[in-house]
C-alpha atoms as a PDB file:
ATOM      1  CA  MET A   1       0.093  -0.221   0.093  1.00  0.00           C
ATOM      2  CA  PHE A   2       1.348   3.575  -0.925  1.00  0.00           C
ATOM      3  CA  GLU A   3      -0.389   6.775  -0.511  1.00  0.00           C
ATOM      4  CA  VAL A   4      -0.855   9.894  -3.015  1.00  0.00           C
ATOM      5  CA  GLY A   5      -2.049  12.857  -1.687  1.00  0.00           C
ATOM      6  CA  SER A   6      -4.568  11.388   0.998  1.00  0.00           C
ATOM      7  CA  ILE A   7      -5.787   8.406  -1.116  1.00  0.00           C
ATOM      8  CA  ARG A   8      -4.268   4.881  -0.081  1.00  0.00           C
ATOM      9  CA  VAL A   9      -3.897   2.563  -2.685  1.00  0.00           C
ATOM     10  CA  ILE A  10      -3.301  -0.740  -2.535  1.00  0.00           C
ATOM     11  CA  ARG A  11      -1.360  -2.180  -4.910  1.00  0.00           C
ATOM     12  CA  PHE A  12      -2.828  -5.438  -7.230  1.00  0.00           C
ATOM     13  CA  PRO A  13      -0.686  -7.574  -9.788  1.00  0.00           C
ATOM     14  CA  LEU A  14      -2.344  -6.010 -13.369  1.00  0.00           C
ATOM     15  CA  SER A  15      -2.941 -10.098 -13.812  1.00  0.00           C
ATOM     16  CA  GLN A  16      -6.030  -9.924 -12.194  1.00  0.00           C
ATOM     17  CA  LEU A  17      -7.513  -6.518 -14.228  1.00  0.00           C
ATOM     18  CA  GLY A  18      -8.338  -9.626 -17.021  1.00  0.00           C
ATOM     19  CA  ALA A  19      -8.718  -8.207 -20.329  1.00  0.00           C
ATOM     20  CA  ALA A  20     -11.749  -6.761 -20.652  1.00  0.00           C
ATOM     21  CA  GLY A  21     -10.578  -4.313 -18.153  1.00  0.00           C
ATOM     22  CA  ARG A  22     -12.954  -4.268 -15.213  1.00  0.00           C
ATOM     23  CA  LEU A  23     -12.252  -4.354 -11.716  1.00  0.00           C
ATOM     24  CA  ARG A  24     -13.721  -3.975  -8.132  1.00  0.00           C
ATOM     25  CA  ALA A  25     -12.538  -1.219  -6.253  1.00  0.00           C
ATOM     26  CA  ARG A  26     -13.976   0.457  -2.716  1.00  0.00           C
ATOM     27  CA  ALA A  27     -12.626   3.879  -1.170  1.00  0.00           C
ATOM     28  CA  PHE A  28     -12.466   4.712   2.360  1.00  0.00           C
ATOM     29  CA  PRO A  29     -11.853   8.358   2.497  1.00  0.00           C
ATOM     30  CA  THR A  30     -12.368   8.250   6.630  1.00  0.00           C
ATOM     31  CA  ASN A  31     -10.497  11.713   6.452  1.00  0.00           C
ATOM     32  CA  PHE A  32     -13.767  13.253   4.885  1.00  0.00           C
ATOM     33  CA  GLY A  33     -15.631  11.585   7.308  1.00  0.00           C
ATOM     34  CA  LEU A  34     -16.658   9.060   4.945  1.00  0.00           C
ATOM     35  CA  LEU A  35     -16.681   5.336   5.598  1.00  0.00           C
ATOM     36  CA  GLU A  36     -16.828   4.627   2.294  1.00  0.00           C
ATOM     37  CA  ASP A  37     -16.888   6.852  -1.038  1.00  0.00           C
ATOM     38  CA  GLU A  38     -19.507   4.805  -3.085  1.00  0.00           C
ATOM     39  CA  ALA A  39     -18.769   6.049  -6.252  1.00  0.00           C
ATOM     40  CA  SER A  40     -15.149   7.649  -6.207  1.00  0.00           C
ATOM     41  CA  GLY A  41     -14.739   9.486  -9.377  1.00  0.00           C
ATOM     42  CA  ALA A  42     -11.664  10.854  -8.987  1.00  0.00           C
ATOM     43  CA  ALA A  43     -10.079   7.672  -7.762  1.00  0.00           C
ATOM     44  CA  SER A  44     -11.437   6.614 -11.359  1.00  0.00           C
ATOM     45  CA  VAL A  45      -9.427   8.961 -12.957  1.00  0.00           C
ATOM     46  CA  PHE A  46      -6.401   8.293 -11.114  1.00  0.00           C
ATOM     47  CA  MET A  47      -6.905   4.460 -12.570  1.00  0.00           C
ATOM     48  CA  GLY A  48      -7.361   5.426 -15.685  1.00  0.00           C
ATOM     49  CA  ASP A  49      -4.261   7.350 -16.037  1.00  0.00           C
ATOM     50  CA  LEU A  50      -2.072   5.170 -13.654  1.00  0.00           C
ATOM     51  CA  LEU A  51      -2.986   2.114 -15.912  1.00  0.00           C
ATOM     52  CA  ARG A  52      -3.702   4.384 -19.434  1.00  0.00           C
ATOM     53  CA  ARG A  53      -6.422   1.839 -20.748  1.00  0.00           C
ATOM     54  CA  PRO A  54     -10.391   1.341 -20.872  1.00  0.00           C
ATOM     55  CA  LEU A  55     -12.045   0.343 -17.358  1.00  0.00           C
ATOM     56  CA  THR A  56     -14.967  -0.594 -15.905  1.00  0.00           C
ATOM     57  CA  ILE A  57     -14.745  -0.165 -12.151  1.00  0.00           C
ATOM     58  CA  ARG A  58     -17.611  -1.686  -9.980  1.00  0.00           C
ATOM     59  CA  GLN A  59     -17.582   0.329  -6.483  1.00  0.00           C
ATOM     60  CA  GLY A  60     -19.673  -0.446  -3.538  1.00  0.00           C
ATOM     61  CA  VAL A  61     -23.493  -1.754  -4.180  1.00  0.00           C
ATOM     62  CA  GLY A  62     -24.751  -0.174  -7.271  1.00  0.00           C
ATOM     63  CA  SER A  63     -22.082   1.766  -8.977  1.00  0.00           C
ATOM     64  CA  GLU A  64     -19.853   1.467 -12.371  1.00  0.00           C
ATOM     65  CA  ILE A  65     -17.683   3.823 -13.787  1.00  0.00           C
ATOM     66  CA  VAL A  66     -16.164   3.359 -17.146  1.00  0.00           C
ATOM     67  CA  VAL A  67     -12.958   5.057 -16.947  1.00  0.00           C
ATOM     68  CA  ARG A  68     -11.543   6.055 -21.385  1.00  0.00           C
ATOM     69  CA  PRO A  69      -7.953   7.576 -21.211  1.00  0.00           C
ATOM     70  CA  HIS A  70      -7.395   9.386 -24.353  1.00  0.00           C
ATOM     71  CA  ASP A  71      -3.801  10.172 -26.140  1.00  0.00           C
ATOM     72  CA  ASP A  72      -4.109  13.427 -25.373  1.00  0.00           C
ATOM     73  CA  GLY A  73      -3.518  12.944 -21.336  1.00  0.00           C
ATOM     74  CA  THR A  74      -6.689  13.515 -20.690  1.00  0.00           C
ATOM     75  CA  VAL A  75      -9.033  10.829 -18.715  1.00  0.00           C
ATOM     76  CA  GLU A  76     -13.134  10.608 -19.375  1.00  0.00           C
ATOM     77  CA  ILE A  77     -15.595   9.369 -16.914  1.00  0.00           C
ATOM     78  CA  GLY A  78     -18.933   8.498 -16.603  1.00  0.00           C
ATOM     79  CA  GLY A  79     -21.211   5.933 -15.373  1.00  0.00           C
ATOM     80  CA  ARG A  80     -24.123   5.104 -13.090  1.00  0.00           C
ATOM     81  CA  THR A  81     -24.718   5.349  -9.485  1.00  0.00           C
ATOM     82  CA  GLU A  82     -26.660   4.378  -6.631  1.00  0.00           C
ATOM     83  CA  ILE A  83     -27.692   6.476  -3.720  1.00  0.00           C
ATOM     84  CA  VAL A  84     -27.218   4.739  -0.267  1.00  0.00           C
ATOM     85  CA  GLU A  85     -27.342   7.303   2.322  1.00  0.00           C
ATOM     86  CA  THR A  86     -27.843  11.546   2.228  1.00  0.00           C
ATOM     87  CA  ARG A  87     -25.814  13.271   4.699  1.00  0.00           C
ATOM     88  CA  GLU A  88     -26.215  17.173   5.951  1.00  0.00           C
ATOM     89  CA  TYR A  89     -22.936  18.937   5.890  1.00  0.00           C
ATOM     90  CA  SER A  90     -22.819  22.594   7.813  1.00  0.00           C
ATOM     91  CA  VAL A  91     -20.588  24.668   5.221  1.00  0.00           C
ATOM     92  CA  GLY A  92     -18.550  28.120   6.178  1.00  0.00           C
ATOM     93  CA  PRO A  93     -17.044  29.228  10.091  1.00  0.00           C
ATOM     94  CA  SER A  94     -18.976  27.642  12.788  1.00  0.00           C
ATOM     95  CA  GLY A  95     -20.309  29.519  15.690  1.00  0.00           C
END
């Protein structure tokens, strides 16, 4: 495992990725007060840039993210998510 900023990354052999480019991923950004990020777009962009190949990433209960890296260095993502919890957050100075 290593860290990139505040993201912890667990190493895995690329042979486990398979020819279809499908992987199951989980994100636990506890430093942001979340037990699990159901569909982490930032992590998906990171993986697409790192692997430089099309991916389909399944996360959490029902989220699927499609990742497409482009020759110009950009990474496009899309897909579907499922809401599993709604939270309210305060923004601004406390007081």
